[in-house]
Amino acid sequence: MFEHYRGDSELRRLVAAKGAAHPMAGKLGVDVVQFFKHSIDKRQRKFGKIAQCWSQLVPEKLAEHCALESLHRGQLTVMVDSSSHLYEMKQMLLEGLEKQLILSCQSAGLRKIILKAGRWYEGNETSARVRF
């Protein structure tokens, strides 16, 4: 019986230590909503129409190697992950793809497309690629 009583006091001590009240943090919901409105929603409104036209007009195998980076003053900057795909993309734009994209996305303010080499993902794994 003594062992049982000793176990109870130890249990009470553990409950008291683990059940200590922790200070309440601020609500995360407000910060998440603000982040969404200023970052994600703004980017979606900016790139939504252009991304839709891009996915329809650019061949899928080439689009996998490109990411829409920014749209500033009507200039769309597109990042291409390798020099061979960059060359292929430049050729397609010169052959008339740029004019098609500009006509399709005129309402979004697109006037020019600039290509640049670079990676938006780390490593060589295609599963790690996140594009817009």
Protein backbone atom coordinates (compact mmCIF):
# COMPACT_ATOMS: atom_id res chain seq x y z
CA MET A 1 0.00 0.00 0.00
CA PHE A 2 2.90 2.32 0.68
CA GLU A 3 4.13 1.80 -2.91
CA HIS A 4 0.70 2.76 -4.23
CA TYR A 5 0.67 5.99 -2.20
CA ARG A 6 4.18 6.93 -3.35
CA GLY A 7 3.13 6.38 -6.98
CA ASP A 8 0.16 8.68 -6.49
CA SER A 9 2.30 11.53 -5.21
CA GLU A 10 4.69 11.07 -8.11
CA LEU A 11 1.77 11.06 -10.51
CA ARG A 12 0.40 14.28 -8.95
CA ARG A 13 3.83 15.90 -9.26
CA LEU A 14 4.04 14.93 -12.97
CA VAL A 15 0.51 16.17 -13.67
CA ALA A 16 1.30 19.48 -11.98
CA ALA A 17 4.54 19.89 -13.93
CA LYS A 18 3.11 18.91 -17.30
CA GLY A 19 -0.18 20.70 -16.82
CA ALA A 20 1.41 24.09 -16.17
CA ALA A 21 -0.39 26.88 -17.97
CA HIS A 22 1.53 28.17 -20.95
CA PRO A 23 1.09 31.74 -22.11
CA MET A 24 -1.33 32.02 -25.02
CA ALA A 25 0.19 33.11 -28.30
CA GLY A 26 -1.54 35.46 -30.66
CA LYS A 27 -3.97 34.08 -33.17
CA LEU A 28 -2.28 32.86 -36.30
CA GLY A 29 -5.36 33.21 -38.49
CA VAL A 30 -5.08 36.99 -38.87
CA ASP A 31 -1.44 36.78 -39.94
CA VAL A 32 -2.17 33.97 -42.40
CA VAL A 33 -5.02 35.93 -43.99
CA GLN A 34 -2.82 39.02 -44.35
CA PHE A 35 -0.02 36.93 -45.86
CA PHE A 36 -2.49 35.37 -48.29
CA LYS A 37 -3.95 38.72 -49.36
CA HIS A 38 -0.60 40.44 -49.83
CA SER A 39 1.44 37.61 -51.29
CA ILE A 40 -0.56 34.80 -52.80
CA ASP A 41 -3.74 36.58 -53.88
CA LYS A 42 -1.80 39.51 -55.36
CA ARG A 43 0.45 37.15 -57.32
CA GLN A 44 -2.54 35.12 -58.53
CA ARG A 45 -4.35 38.23 -59.77
CA LYS A 46 -1.18 39.38 -61.48
CA PHE A 47 -0.19 36.07 -63.09
CA GLY A 48 -3.49 34.17 -63.33
CA LYS A 49 -4.43 35.14 -66.89
CA ILE A 50 -0.82 35.02 -68.10
CA ALA A 51 -0.21 31.59 -66.54
CA GLN A 52 -3.36 30.26 -68.18
CA CYS A 53 -2.28 31.52 -71.63
CA TRP A 54 1.26 30.29 -71.01
CA SER A 55 0.07 26.77 -70.25
CA GLN A 56 -2.11 26.71 -73.38
CA LEU A 57 0.45 28.12 -75.84
CA VAL A 58 3.80 26.77 -74.61
CA PRO A 59 4.40 23.04 -75.16
CA GLU A 60 4.21 21.11 -71.89
CA LYS A 61 7.69 19.58 -72.21
CA LEU A 62 9.20 23.05 -72.52
CA ALA A 63 6.92 24.65 -69.91
CA GLU A 64 8.25 22.16 -67.32
CA HIS A 65 11.61 23.92 -67.54
CA CYS A 66 10.23 27.46 -67.20
CA ALA A 67 8.83 29.50 -64.33
CA LEU A 68 7.09 32.86 -64.48
CA GLU A 69 9.21 35.02 -62.20
CA SER A 70 7.86 38.57 -62.30
CA LEU A 71 5.70 41.03 -64.20
CA HIS A 72 6.87 44.61 -63.97
CA ARG A 73 5.72 47.43 -66.24
CA GLY A 74 4.40 44.98 -68.78
CA GLN A 75 7.61 42.95 -68.95
CA LEU A 76 7.21 39.30 -68.03
CA THR A 77 10.44 37.73 -66.79
CA VAL A 78 10.58 33.97 -67.31
CA MET A 79 13.25 31.84 -65.68
CA VAL A 80 14.49 28.85 -67.73
CA ASP A 81 16.50 26.13 -66.01
CA SER A 82 19.04 25.16 -68.72
CA SER A 83 20.80 26.78 -71.64
CA SER A 84 19.38 24.31 -74.16
CA HIS A 85 15.82 25.02 -73.03
CA LEU A 86 16.58 28.74 -72.97
CA TYR A 87 17.70 28.58 -76.61
CA GLU A 88 14.63 26.57 -77.59
CA MET A 89 12.35 29.03 -75.80
CA LYS A 90 14.04 32.01 -77.49
CA GLN A 91 13.51 30.38 -80.88
CA MET A 92 9.83 29.78 -80.18
CA LEU A 93 9.34 33.37 -79.06
CA LEU A 94 11.01 34.65 -82.23
CA GLU A 95 8.83 32.36 -84.37
CA GLY A 96 5.68 34.07 -83.16
CA LEU A 97 4.93 32.71 -79.71
CA GLU A 98 5.71 36.08 -78.12
CA LYS A 99 3.15 37.84 -80.34
CA GLN A 100 0.53 35.21 -79.53
CA LEU A 101 1.14 35.54 -75.80
CA ILE A 102 1.06 39.35 -75.93
CA LEU A 103 -2.22 39.35 -77.87
CA SER A 104 -3.76 36.77 -75.54
CA CYS A 105 -2.63 38.59 -72.39
CA GLN A 106 -3.13 42.19 -73.44
CA SER A 107 -5.77 42.67 -70.76
CA ALA A 108 -3.21 41.62 -68.13
CA GLY A 109 -0.82 44.32 -69.34
CA LEU A 110 1.75 42.04 -71.00
CA ARG A 111 3.96 43.90 -73.50
CA LYS A 112 7.28 42.04 -73.57
CA ILE A 113 8.79 38.71 -72.52
CA ILE A 114 12.30 38.49 -71.11
CA LEU A 115 14.00 35.13 -70.65
CA LYS A 116 16.75 34.50 -68.14
CA ALA A 117 18.71 31.45 -67.16
CA GLY A 118 18.37 30.21 -63.61
CA ARG A 119 16.81 27.67 -61.31
CA TRP A 120 13.93 28.20 -58.94
CA TYR A 121 14.50 24.83 -57.29
CA GLU A 122 17.44 23.15 -55.59
CA GLY A 123 19.17 20.09 -56.98
CA ASN A 124 18.39 18.06 -60.06
CA GLU A 125 15.22 16.35 -58.89
CA THR A 126 12.17 17.19 -60.95
CA SER A 127 9.91 16.45 -57.97
CA ALA A 128 11.43 19.40 -56.11
CA ARG A 129 10.39 21.88 -58.79
CA VAL A 130 7.64 24.25 -57.87
CA ARG A 131 6.39 26.49 -60.62
CA PHE A 132 3.66 29.04 -60.97
